[in-house]
Protein backbone atom coordinates (compact mmCIF):
# COMPACT_ATOMS: atom_id res chain seq x y z
CA MET A 1 25.05 19.36 41.88
CA PHE A 2 21.24 18.90 42.21
CA LYS A 3 20.85 22.43 43.82
CA SER A 4 23.06 24.10 41.10
CA ARG A 5 20.89 22.44 38.46
CA MET A 6 17.66 23.45 40.26
CA LEU A 7 18.87 27.08 40.37
CA ARG A 8 19.90 27.01 36.68
CA VAL A 9 16.60 25.54 35.72
CA PHE A 10 14.50 27.84 38.00
CA GLY A 11 16.37 30.87 36.59
CA LEU A 12 15.57 29.81 32.97
CA ALA A 13 11.91 29.04 33.97
CA LEU A 14 11.63 32.60 35.46
CA ALA A 15 12.65 34.09 32.29
CA LEU A 16 10.18 31.92 30.34
CA ALA A 17 7.27 32.16 32.71
CA MET A 18 7.37 35.80 33.87
CA PRO A 19 5.73 38.59 31.97
CA CYS A 20 6.90 40.97 34.73
CA ALA A 21 8.94 41.07 37.84
CA ALA A 22 8.00 38.58 40.57
CA PHE A 23 9.77 36.96 43.55
CA ALA A 24 10.96 33.42 43.89
CA ASP A 25 9.38 31.18 46.61
CA LEU A 26 11.00 27.73 47.11
CA PRO A 27 10.22 26.52 50.63
CA GLU A 28 12.78 23.99 51.88
CA LEU A 29 10.78 20.88 51.88
CA PHE A 30 12.10 17.50 51.03
CA GLY A 31 9.63 16.26 48.35
CA ASN A 32 5.94 16.05 48.32
CA MET A 33 4.84 12.74 49.68
CA GLN A 34 1.07 13.18 48.92
CA ILE A 35 1.54 11.03 45.94
CA PRO A 36 3.03 7.75 46.93
CA SER A 37 3.55 6.54 43.36
CA THR A 38 6.00 9.21 42.50
CA LEU A 39 9.73 9.41 43.54
CA PRO A 40 10.51 11.92 46.21
CA SER A 41 12.54 14.96 44.98
CA MET A 42 16.27 15.30 45.59
CA VAL A 43 15.79 19.14 45.92
CA GLU A 44 13.27 21.71 47.30
CA ASP A 45 9.60 21.66 46.36
CA SER A 46 6.75 23.98 46.83
CA ALA A 47 4.13 22.65 49.21
CA ASP A 48 1.59 24.14 46.90
CA LEU A 49 2.41 21.92 43.93
CA ILE A 50 1.71 18.14 43.30
CA ILE A 51 3.45 16.51 40.46
CA GLN A 52 2.79 12.81 39.48
CA VAL A 53 4.91 10.81 37.06
CA PRO A 54 5.78 7.11 36.87
CA ARG A 55 8.69 5.63 38.89
CA GLN A 56 10.17 4.08 35.65
CA VAL A 57 9.83 5.27 32.18
CA ASP A 58 10.58 3.61 28.87
CA PRO A 59 12.68 6.05 26.80
CA ALA A 60 10.69 5.01 23.74
CA SER A 61 7.29 5.70 25.22
CA PRO A 62 5.46 8.99 26.17
CA VAL A 63 5.72 10.01 29.85
CA PRO A 64 2.41 10.59 31.60
CA LEU A 65 2.36 13.73 33.72
CA ARG A 66 -0.23 15.26 36.09
CA VAL A 67 0.26 18.61 37.73
CA ARG A 68 -2.04 20.07 40.26
CA VAL A 69 -1.55 23.44 41.97
CA LEU A 70 -3.05 23.92 45.33
CA GLN A 71 -3.36 27.77 44.87
CA SER A 72 -5.72 29.36 42.48
CA PRO A 73 -6.03 31.20 40.19
CA VAL A 74 -2.85 30.00 38.27
CA ALA A 75 -1.77 32.26 35.29
CA ALA A 76 0.94 30.03 33.73
CA ILE A 77 2.44 26.49 34.08
CA THR A 78 5.81 25.83 32.36
CA LEU A 79 7.26 22.44 31.89
CA LEU A 80 11.06 21.81 31.43
CA SER A 81 13.43 18.84 31.25
CA ASP A 82 15.46 18.06 34.25
CA SER A 83 18.79 18.01 32.42
CA VAL A 84 22.22 19.70 32.41
CA ASP A 85 20.89 22.02 29.58
CA PRO A 86 17.18 22.41 30.35
CA VAL A 87 14.68 22.54 27.54
CA GLN A 88 11.47 24.07 27.66
CA LEU A 89 8.84 21.23 26.94
CA ALA A 90 5.65 23.41 27.21
CA SER A 91 4.29 26.73 28.51
CA PHE A 92 0.60 26.95 29.06
CA GLU A 93 -0.95 30.42 29.73
CA MET A 94 -4.15 29.99 31.67
CA GLN A 95 -7.04 32.52 31.87
CA PRO A 96 -9.21 32.96 35.04
CA GLY A 97 -11.69 30.15 35.33
CA VAL A 98 -9.42 27.43 34.16
CA ASP A 99 -8.64 24.78 36.79
CA ALA A 100 -5.23 24.95 38.46
CA GLN A 101 -4.31 21.42 36.97
CA LEU A 102 -3.46 19.67 33.80
CA ALA A 103 -2.55 16.19 32.51
CA THR A 104 -0.47 15.61 29.46
CA ARG A 105 2.29 13.46 28.06
CA PHE A 106 5.86 14.10 26.76
CA MET A 107 8.92 12.19 25.51
CA SER A 108 11.83 12.05 27.93
CA SER A 109 14.44 12.49 25.21
CA GLY A 110 17.03 11.07 27.62
CA ALA A 111 16.25 13.38 30.54
CA GLY A 112 15.62 11.64 33.83
CA GLY A 113 12.97 13.95 35.22
CA VAL A 114 10.79 17.03 34.79
CA MET A 115 10.69 20.44 36.18
CA VAL A 116 7.27 22.38 36.69
CA VAL A 117 7.26 26.08 37.28
CA VAL A 118 4.06 27.92 38.15
CA ARG A 119 3.16 31.62 38.14
CA THR A 120 0.08 32.62 39.87
CA ALA A 121 -2.35 35.58 39.03
CA THR A 122 -0.63 37.52 41.73
CA ASN A 123 2.94 36.93 40.15
CA ARG A 124 4.03 34.37 42.84
CA ILE A 125 6.56 32.00 41.41
CA PHE A 126 7.19 28.58 42.69
CA ALA A 127 8.49 25.22 41.35
CA GLY A 128 8.80 21.52 41.88
CA ARG A 129 10.80 18.71 40.46
CA ARG A 130 10.24 14.96 39.88
CA THR A 131 12.65 12.37 38.74
CA PHE A 132 12.17 9.05 37.17
CA GLU A 133 14.31 6.05 36.10
CA LEU A 134 14.86 5.37 32.52
CA MET A 135 14.31 1.64 31.83
CA PRO A 136 13.72 0.30 28.30
CA ASN A 137 10.57 -1.81 27.95
CA ALA A 138 9.15 -0.50 31.35
CA GLY A 139 5.59 -1.10 31.62
CA LEU A 140 3.74 2.32 31.73
CA VAL A 141 0.30 3.44 32.87
CA VAL A 142 -1.03 6.15 30.44
CA PRO A 143 -3.40 8.62 32.13
CA GLU A 144 -6.60 10.09 30.92
CA ALA A 145 -7.75 13.36 32.32
CA PRO A 146 -7.93 13.73 36.10
CA GLU A 147 -11.43 13.52 37.92
CA ALA A 148 -13.09 16.63 39.21
CA ALA A 149 -11.49 16.47 42.72
CA SER A 150 -8.70 14.00 42.28
CA VAL A 151 -5.56 13.25 40.26
CA ALA A 152 -5.21 9.79 41.63
CA SER A 153 -7.10 7.65 38.98
CA VAL A 154 -5.57 6.37 35.83
CA GLY A 155 -7.43 5.96 32.58
CA GLU A 156 -5.65 3.61 30.40
CA SER A 157 -4.37 0.18 30.81
CA ALA A 158 -0.63 -0.78 31.42
CA LEU A 159 1.42 -0.70 28.31
CA ASP A 160 4.46 -2.92 27.17
CA ALA A 161 6.31 -0.41 24.90
CA ASP A 162 9.04 -1.77 22.64
CA SER A 163 8.57 0.74 19.87
CA GLU A 164 10.52 2.13 16.87
CA ALA A 165 9.63 5.61 15.78
CA GLU A 166 7.68 5.96 12.45
CA THR A 167 7.07 9.31 10.76
CA GLU A 168 3.70 10.65 10.17
CA ALA A 169 2.75 13.69 8.24
CA SER A 170 -0.52 14.89 9.98
CA PRO A 171 -1.99 12.67 12.92
CA GLU A 172 -5.67 13.40 13.28
CA LEU A 173 -6.73 15.11 16.38
CA ARG A 174 -9.86 14.76 18.49
CA LEU A 175 -11.33 17.24 20.90
CA ASP A 176 -13.80 16.11 23.66
CA ALA A 177 -15.66 18.03 26.28
CA GLU A 178 -18.19 17.19 28.84
CA ILE A 179 -19.87 18.70 31.88
CA LEU A 180 -18.59 17.36 35.13
CA SER A 181 -20.70 19.29 37.67
CA GLU A 182 -22.91 22.35 37.42
CA ASP A 183 -21.03 24.74 35.02
CA ARG A 184 -17.72 22.99 35.26
CA ALA A 185 -16.37 21.10 32.18
CA ARG A 186 -13.42 18.97 31.24
CA VAL A 187 -11.72 19.20 27.97
CA ILE A 188 -9.47 16.55 26.26
CA LEU A 189 -7.21 17.21 23.24
CA ARG A 190 -5.55 13.87 21.91
CA SER A 191 -4.76 11.91 18.92
CA ALA A 192 -7.84 10.29 17.21
CA GLU A 193 -6.28 6.93 17.23
CA PRO A 194 -5.95 5.56 20.87
CA LEU A 195 -2.37 5.21 22.11
CA VAL A 196 -3.12 1.60 23.33
CA LYS A 197 -4.10 0.62 19.70
CA ARG A 198 -0.93 2.16 18.25
CA MET A 199 1.38 0.54 20.79
CA GLN A 200 -0.16 -2.94 20.18
CA HIS A 201 1.38 -2.49 16.77
CA GLN A 202 4.62 -1.66 18.57
CA VAL A 203 4.85 1.60 16.68
CA LEU A 204 4.79 5.09 18.19
CA ARG A 205 4.34 7.50 15.20
CA ARG A 206 6.30 10.78 15.13
CA SER A 207 4.89 13.79 13.44
CA GLU A 208 7.21 15.37 10.88
CA ASN A 209 5.34 18.61 11.32
CA PRO A 210 4.33 18.85 14.95
CA VAL A 211 2.00 21.46 16.43
CA SER A 212 4.16 24.29 17.96
CA SER A 213 1.33 26.36 19.61
CA PHE A 214 -2.41 26.07 20.11
CA GLU A 215 -5.13 28.13 21.62
CA LEU A 216 -8.42 26.86 23.18
CA LYS A 217 -11.41 29.04 23.26
CA HIS A 218 -14.89 28.76 24.86
CA LYS A 219 -17.08 30.71 22.69
CA GLU A 220 -14.96 33.86 22.23
CA ARG A 221 -13.14 33.60 25.59
CA VAL A 222 -9.67 32.24 25.23
CA LEU A 223 -9.03 29.41 28.03
CA VAL A 224 -5.62 28.17 27.29
CA SER A 225 -2.68 29.27 25.00
CA ALA A 226 0.25 26.94 24.75
CA ASP A 227 3.71 26.88 23.20
CA LEU A 228 5.03 23.36 22.73
CA ASP A 229 8.25 21.59 22.11
CA ALA A 230 8.16 18.67 19.55
CA SER A 231 8.54 16.22 22.30
CA MET A 232 4.99 17.04 23.46
CA TRP A 233 3.62 15.89 20.07
CA SER A 234 4.84 12.28 19.71
CA ASP A 235 1.50 11.30 21.30
CA PRO A 236 -0.69 14.46 21.97
CA PHE A 237 -2.70 14.47 25.13
CA PHE A 238 -3.78 17.64 26.90
CA SER A 239 -6.41 17.86 29.54
CA PHE A 240 -7.95 20.88 31.06
CA GLY A 241 -10.90 21.80 33.22
CA PHE A 242 -12.75 25.10 33.49
CA VAL A 243 -15.89 26.88 34.93
CA GLY A 244 -18.53 28.73 33.10
CA ALA A 245 -19.67 26.01 30.74
CA LYS A 246 -23.06 24.73 29.63
CA VAL A 247 -24.05 21.71 27.64
CA GLY A 248 -24.08 22.70 24.09
CA ASP A 249 -21.55 25.51 24.24
CA THR A 250 -18.91 25.65 21.44
CA LEU A 251 -15.18 24.96 22.07
CA THR A 252 -12.78 26.06 19.39
CA LEU A 253 -9.19 24.81 18.97
CA THR A 254 -6.73 26.56 16.79
CA TRP A 255 -3.15 25.59 16.15
CA VAL A 256 0.18 26.39 14.29
CA ARG A 257 2.43 23.60 13.21
CA ALA A 258 6.15 24.01 12.92
CA ASP A 259 6.08 24.96 9.23
CA GLY A 260 3.47 27.70 10.00
CA GLU A 261 0.52 25.69 8.71
CA GLN A 262 -2.66 26.51 10.65
CA GLY A 263 -5.66 24.46 11.59
CA GLU A 264 -8.95 24.62 13.43
CA LEU A 265 -11.18 22.12 15.30
CA GLN A 266 -14.58 22.57 17.04
CA THR A 267 -16.64 20.67 19.36
CA THR A 268 -19.61 21.15 21.58
CA ILE A 269 -19.80 20.36 25.22
CA GLU A 270 -21.75 17.15 26.01
CA PRO A 271 -23.75 16.21 29.23
CA ALA A 272 -21.81 14.17 31.71
CA GLY A 273 -21.44 10.42 30.50
């Protein structure tokens, strides 16, 4: 059953992630044990892919996810729900110079895992899967962006999430960028109001008009283009790294919401804090 689901999800992911023909490469490895805080997979994983999710997930809370690809450059990362009928959660098209890793959050929507499909710049396709246990009121650790050379650190405190959904027309966004080392920068897109503060009120807001796509530019160079499912926007959080940055450079985020409304946000790259 797991293998048939994996093949079905992988076939769907190929159609979503491939702009042209490529071959599938799924080494027969039982999980990736480099991240001890994650559950081992029940199916094959690529040795070139590290996926980190919590062991237990509150269905009412966002699931923190870190993806790190040990091959570079990466052209695209696609996230899908690990379910009988897989749903594409997000697709990120990455241009040369963007780090082969990302951090984000998504709502599980009843699925017990996530599938990650990667396409490299040479059109190699590989995938990995991580499962988690759905447990109401499970305490979660919510991540900030990974550090320059590691995805092991966690950026926010543990949460007790006993939340009911509340609708919100247009959550304010915050775009931050800072130099990490030499010409390498980290960019974080998130809600302007910290998740911890909102969860203290036992309310996780749900946007009535979520962002369905966005594009991040450094000066006039596109870094990342993303297509998003609504489950990625209950608590928006996206972290990327890239090279070629200088303090004072401008970053521009443009987005399109589900109803076609467009928006734009700019920031400048700050020195390392």
